[in-house]
Amino acid sequence: MAHRILVPVKRVIDYAVKIRVAGGKIDTNVKHSMNPFDEIAIEEAVRLKEAKKAAEVVTVTVGSTKSQETLRTALAMGADRALHVEIPESAEVQPLEVAKILKAIVAKESPSIVLLGKQAIDDDAGQTGQMLAGLLDWPQATFASKVELNDSVLTVTREVDGGLETVKTTLPAILTADLRLNQPRYATLPNIMKAKKKPIEKLSPADLGVDVTPRIKVLEVSEPPKRSAGKTVGSVDELIDKLKNEAGVI
């Protein structure tokens, strides 16, 4: 059976950038890139297509005009088509609204698998995949570190606190990618050039019948307090004295 895989991706502040806070808000005027867990999801979807387990990989993002560069990266990695649900750069879309948008995209595209990163590194919510599974009433396999697809049966190894857990489900299903699922490929220059010619379909939340008004308001963002300089002590007795009388931890 020819399966279509839908891979949502998100544009986030690059993982190597030091986050700066100014005026109670995060400074976003820095380098952005695709969410690392979404890169892993794209890589796994492309590998399934290369193994003839899937026929098409479609990627989608919810974001401003600048998010097109993230879609182009996904296309250069091997995705076939892209959809851009465009919102203003100042707009904030939260996990539940993203899940509702993805539900509408699923109705439009009819994928067998929706393969997401387990979380975005900007808000660390880790909620969208689970919410989408609930809205669709589909089975879900989250935090996947290994994926096997045979016909319409998905076998997934999950990373859990006690070690590894293997689950099996039939399609359609929701899958979220963990860090150790794979090592994403680098897009080659020829594929980057080809990606510029691949189609990106533009949509809006209104086209999909979704209200993206935030339900939660972030009042303020602040940096963690700076650590004070360490001290060198001359003996165990001095260490105990400082822990007891200065630090107050014993």
Protein backbone atom coordinates (compact mmCIF):
# COMPACT_ATOMS: atom_id res chain seq x y z
CA MET A 1 0.00 0.00 0.00
CA ALA A 2 1.32 3.45 -0.92
CA HIS A 3 1.46 5.56 2.19
CA ARG A 4 1.60 9.34 2.39
CA ILE A 5 3.52 10.81 5.33
CA LEU A 6 2.77 14.30 6.62
CA VAL A 7 5.63 15.98 8.50
CA PRO A 8 4.95 19.27 10.33
CA VAL A 9 8.03 21.44 10.84
CA LYS A 10 8.68 24.61 12.82
CA ARG A 11 11.06 27.55 12.45
CA VAL A 12 12.80 28.20 15.78
CA ILE A 13 15.81 30.09 17.10
CA ASP A 14 18.87 28.05 16.14
CA TYR A 15 19.97 25.63 18.86
CA ALA A 16 23.50 27.08 18.88
CA VAL A 17 22.32 30.65 19.57
CA LYS A 18 22.49 31.96 23.13
CA ILE A 19 19.01 33.16 24.07
CA ARG A 20 18.85 36.83 25.06
CA VAL A 21 16.04 38.43 27.02
CA ALA A 22 15.28 42.14 26.70
CA GLY A 23 12.33 44.01 28.16
CA GLY A 24 10.68 40.83 29.41
CA LYS A 25 10.70 39.26 25.94
CA ILE A 26 13.01 36.94 24.01
CA ASP A 27 15.14 38.67 21.38
CA THR A 28 14.14 36.95 18.13
CA ASN A 29 16.40 39.03 15.88
CA VAL A 30 18.89 36.15 15.66
CA LYS A 31 19.60 33.14 13.44
CA HIS A 32 16.68 30.72 13.00
CA SER A 33 16.59 27.19 11.63
CA MET A 34 14.36 24.11 11.55
CA ASN A 35 13.51 22.63 14.92
CA PRO A 36 16.07 19.78 15.40
CA PHE A 37 13.43 17.17 16.28
CA ASP A 38 11.54 18.09 13.11
CA GLU A 39 14.72 17.50 11.09
CA ILE A 40 14.80 14.00 12.55
CA ALA A 41 11.13 13.53 11.59
CA ILE A 42 11.82 14.64 7.99
CA GLU A 43 14.83 12.33 7.78
CA GLU A 44 12.81 9.32 8.98
CA ALA A 45 9.98 10.05 6.55
CA VAL A 46 12.44 10.34 3.64
CA ARG A 47 14.12 7.08 4.68
CA LEU A 48 10.75 5.31 4.67
CA LYS A 49 10.13 6.66 1.16
CA GLU A 50 13.58 5.56 0.00
CA ALA A 51 12.84 2.08 1.38
CA LYS A 52 9.63 2.01 -0.74
CA LYS A 53 7.52 1.97 2.44
CA ALA A 54 5.97 5.35 1.58
CA ALA A 55 5.01 6.97 -1.69
CA GLU A 56 5.09 10.65 -0.78
CA VAL A 57 6.38 12.95 1.95
CA VAL A 58 4.44 16.19 2.45
CA THR A 59 5.71 18.83 4.85
CA VAL A 60 3.71 21.64 6.47
CA THR A 61 4.51 24.61 8.67
CA VAL A 62 2.50 27.22 10.54
CA GLY A 63 4.37 30.50 10.61
CA SER A 64 5.26 33.81 9.03
CA THR A 65 6.64 34.39 5.54
CA LYS A 66 10.13 33.64 6.90
CA SER A 67 9.03 30.06 7.59
CA GLN A 68 9.30 29.34 3.87
CA GLU A 69 13.05 28.87 4.31
CA THR A 70 12.28 26.04 6.76
CA LEU A 71 10.02 24.40 4.18
CA ARG A 72 12.74 24.76 1.54
CA THR A 73 15.14 22.95 3.88
CA ALA A 74 12.63 20.11 4.28
CA LEU A 75 12.19 19.94 0.49
CA ALA A 76 15.96 19.89 0.00
CA MET A 77 16.19 16.97 2.44
CA GLY A 78 13.77 14.98 0.32
CA ALA A 79 10.17 16.04 0.96
CA ASP A 80 8.03 16.10 -2.18
CA ARG A 81 5.58 18.93 -1.48
CA ALA A 82 5.08 21.67 1.08
CA LEU A 83 2.16 23.54 2.59
CA HIS A 84 2.52 26.89 4.34
CA VAL A 85 -0.20 27.99 6.73
CA GLU A 86 0.79 31.64 6.91
CA ILE A 87 0.27 33.82 9.97
CA PRO A 88 1.63 37.29 10.83
CA GLU A 89 5.13 37.35 12.30
CA SER A 90 3.77 38.92 15.51
CA ALA A 91 1.15 36.19 15.97
CA GLU A 92 1.61 33.47 18.55
CA VAL A 93 0.12 30.08 17.76
CA GLN A 94 -0.08 27.63 20.64
CA PRO A 95 -0.03 23.80 20.51
CA LEU A 96 -3.80 23.26 20.57
CA GLU A 97 -4.34 25.67 17.67
CA VAL A 98 -1.50 24.02 15.72
CA ALA A 99 -3.10 20.63 16.36
CA LYS A 100 -6.44 21.92 15.05
CA ILE A 101 -4.72 23.26 11.92
CA LEU A 102 -2.99 19.91 11.41
CA LYS A 103 -6.31 18.10 11.82
CA ALA A 104 -7.67 20.18 8.93
CA ILE A 105 -4.54 19.45 6.87
CA VAL A 106 -4.99 15.72 7.55
CA ALA A 107 -8.55 15.95 6.23
CA LYS A 108 -7.19 17.66 3.10
CA GLU A 109 -4.17 15.43 2.44
CA SER A 110 -5.30 12.03 3.86
CA PRO A 111 -1.89 10.85 5.14
CA SER A 112 -1.38 7.41 6.68
CA ILE A 113 1.19 8.76 9.14
CA VAL A 114 1.71 12.15 10.71
CA LEU A 115 5.35 12.24 11.84
CA LEU A 116 6.31 15.13 14.13
CA GLY A 117 9.29 16.04 16.24
CA LYS A 118 8.55 15.18 19.87
CA GLN A 119 8.81 18.85 20.87
CA ALA A 120 9.97 22.26 19.69
CA ILE A 121 13.07 23.65 21.38
CA ASP A 122 11.60 27.14 21.76
CA ASP A 123 8.59 26.44 23.99
CA ASP A 124 9.45 22.80 24.90
CA ALA A 125 5.72 22.10 25.12
CA GLY A 126 5.78 18.59 23.63
CA GLN A 127 2.00 18.64 23.22
CA THR A 128 1.08 18.98 19.55
CA GLY A 129 1.42 15.32 18.53
CA GLN A 130 -0.61 14.06 21.47
CA MET A 131 -3.29 16.71 20.98
CA LEU A 132 -3.55 15.87 17.28
CA ALA A 133 -3.97 12.18 18.11
CA GLY A 134 -6.79 13.11 20.48
CA LEU A 135 -8.53 15.35 17.94
CA LEU A 136 -8.30 12.71 15.21
CA ASP A 137 -8.94 9.75 17.53
CA TRP A 138 -5.87 8.07 16.04
CA PRO A 139 -3.39 5.81 17.85
CA GLN A 140 -0.09 7.43 18.79
CA ALA A 141 3.49 6.28 19.34
CA THR A 142 5.55 9.03 20.93
CA PHE A 143 9.28 9.49 21.65
CA ALA A 144 10.23 7.00 18.94
CA SER A 145 13.84 5.83 18.78
CA LYS A 146 13.21 3.13 16.15
CA VAL A 147 10.46 2.78 13.53
CA GLU A 148 9.52 -0.24 11.42
CA LEU A 149 6.70 -0.09 8.87
CA ASN A 150 5.32 -3.28 7.32
CA ASP A 151 2.26 -2.78 5.11
CA SER A 152 -0.19 -1.04 7.48
CA VAL A 153 1.45 -2.09 10.77
CA LEU A 154 3.78 0.28 12.59
CA THR A 155 6.21 -1.08 15.18
CA VAL A 156 7.86 1.60 17.30
CA THR A 157 10.54 1.44 19.97
CA ARG A 158 10.00 4.21 22.52
CA GLU A 159 12.36 5.72 25.05
CA VAL A 160 10.79 5.65 28.51
CA ASP A 161 12.14 6.29 32.01
CA GLY A 162 12.76 2.60 32.67
CA GLY A 163 14.50 1.92 29.35
CA LEU A 164 12.85 0.97 26.05
CA GLU A 165 9.27 0.04 25.23
CA THR A 166 8.08 -1.49 21.96
CA VAL A 167 4.54 -0.79 20.76
CA LYS A 168 2.67 -1.89 17.65
CA THR A 169 -0.25 -0.13 15.98
CA THR A 170 -2.15 -0.09 12.72
CA LEU A 171 -2.36 2.92 10.44
CA PRO A 172 -3.34 5.71 10.33
CA ALA A 173 -1.28 6.84 13.31
CA ILE A 174 0.59 9.72 14.93
CA LEU A 175 4.32 9.32 15.47
CA THR A 176 6.71 11.66 17.30
CA ALA A 177 10.48 11.46 16.83
CA ASP A 178 13.02 11.33 19.64
CA LEU A 179 16.64 12.41 19.46
CA ARG A 180 18.14 8.96 18.81
CA LEU A 181 15.80 7.96 15.98
CA ASN A 182 18.35 8.91 13.31
CA GLN A 183 21.04 11.35 12.22
CA PRO A 184 19.55 13.85 9.73
CA ARG A 185 21.34 14.25 6.42
CA TYR A 186 22.80 17.50 5.15
CA ALA A 187 21.00 18.90 2.14
CA THR A 188 23.28 18.87 -0.90
CA LEU A 189 23.67 21.91 -3.12
CA PRO A 190 21.87 20.28 -6.10
CA ASN A 191 18.94 19.36 -3.85
CA ILE A 192 18.86 22.88 -2.40
CA MET A 193 18.60 24.25 -5.94
CA LYS A 194 15.86 21.73 -6.84
CA ALA A 195 13.96 22.64 -3.67
CA LYS A 196 13.63 26.22 -4.89
CA LYS A 197 11.50 24.95 -7.77
CA LYS A 198 9.26 22.64 -5.74
CA PRO A 199 5.75 23.95 -5.08
CA ILE A 200 4.67 25.50 -1.77
CA GLU A 201 0.92 25.74 -1.33
CA LYS A 202 -0.16 28.73 0.74
CA LEU A 203 -3.10 28.59 3.13
CA SER A 204 -4.39 30.60 6.07
CA PRO A 205 -5.96 29.46 9.35
CA ALA A 206 -9.24 30.97 8.10
CA ASP A 207 -9.07 28.76 4.99
CA LEU A 208 -8.98 25.78 7.33
CA GLY A 209 -11.67 27.10 9.65
CA VAL A 210 -9.37 27.46 12.66
CA ASP A 211 -9.31 30.31 15.16
CA VAL A 212 -5.70 30.77 16.33
CA THR A 213 -6.42 33.28 19.11
CA PRO A 214 -4.06 32.37 22.00
CA ARG A 215 -5.66 30.85 25.10
CA ILE A 216 -2.60 31.42 27.29
CA LYS A 217 -0.79 34.72 27.74
CA VAL A 218 2.92 34.90 28.56
CA LEU A 219 3.26 37.73 31.05
CA GLU A 220 7.05 37.97 31.18
CA VAL A 221 10.22 36.11 30.29
CA SER A 222 13.30 36.42 32.49
CA GLU A 223 16.77 34.93 32.46
CA PRO A 224 17.79 32.61 35.30
CA PRO A 225 19.82 34.35 38.04
CA LYS A 226 23.55 34.40 37.44
CA ARG A 227 25.57 31.98 39.50
CA SER A 228 27.92 33.53 42.04
CA ALA A 229 31.63 32.76 41.84
CA GLY A 230 32.86 29.62 43.57
CA LYS A 231 35.20 29.62 46.57
CA THR A 232 38.24 27.53 47.36
CA VAL A 233 38.40 26.05 50.85
CA GLY A 234 41.45 24.78 52.67
CA SER A 235 39.99 21.86 54.58
CA VAL A 236 36.94 19.68 55.11
CA ASP A 237 36.16 21.52 58.35
CA GLU A 238 36.13 24.86 56.52
CA LEU A 239 33.88 23.37 53.83
CA ILE A 240 31.40 22.13 56.41
CA ASP A 241 31.46 25.49 58.19
CA LYS A 242 30.67 27.41 54.97
CA LEU A 243 27.94 24.99 53.94
CA LYS A 244 26.35 25.32 57.35
CA ASN A 245 26.81 29.02 58.16
CA GLU A 246 26.99 30.69 54.71
CA ALA A 247 25.07 28.50 52.31
CA GLY A 248 22.64 27.20 54.93
CA VAL A 249 22.29 23.82 53.25
CA ILE A 250 23.24 21.63 56.20
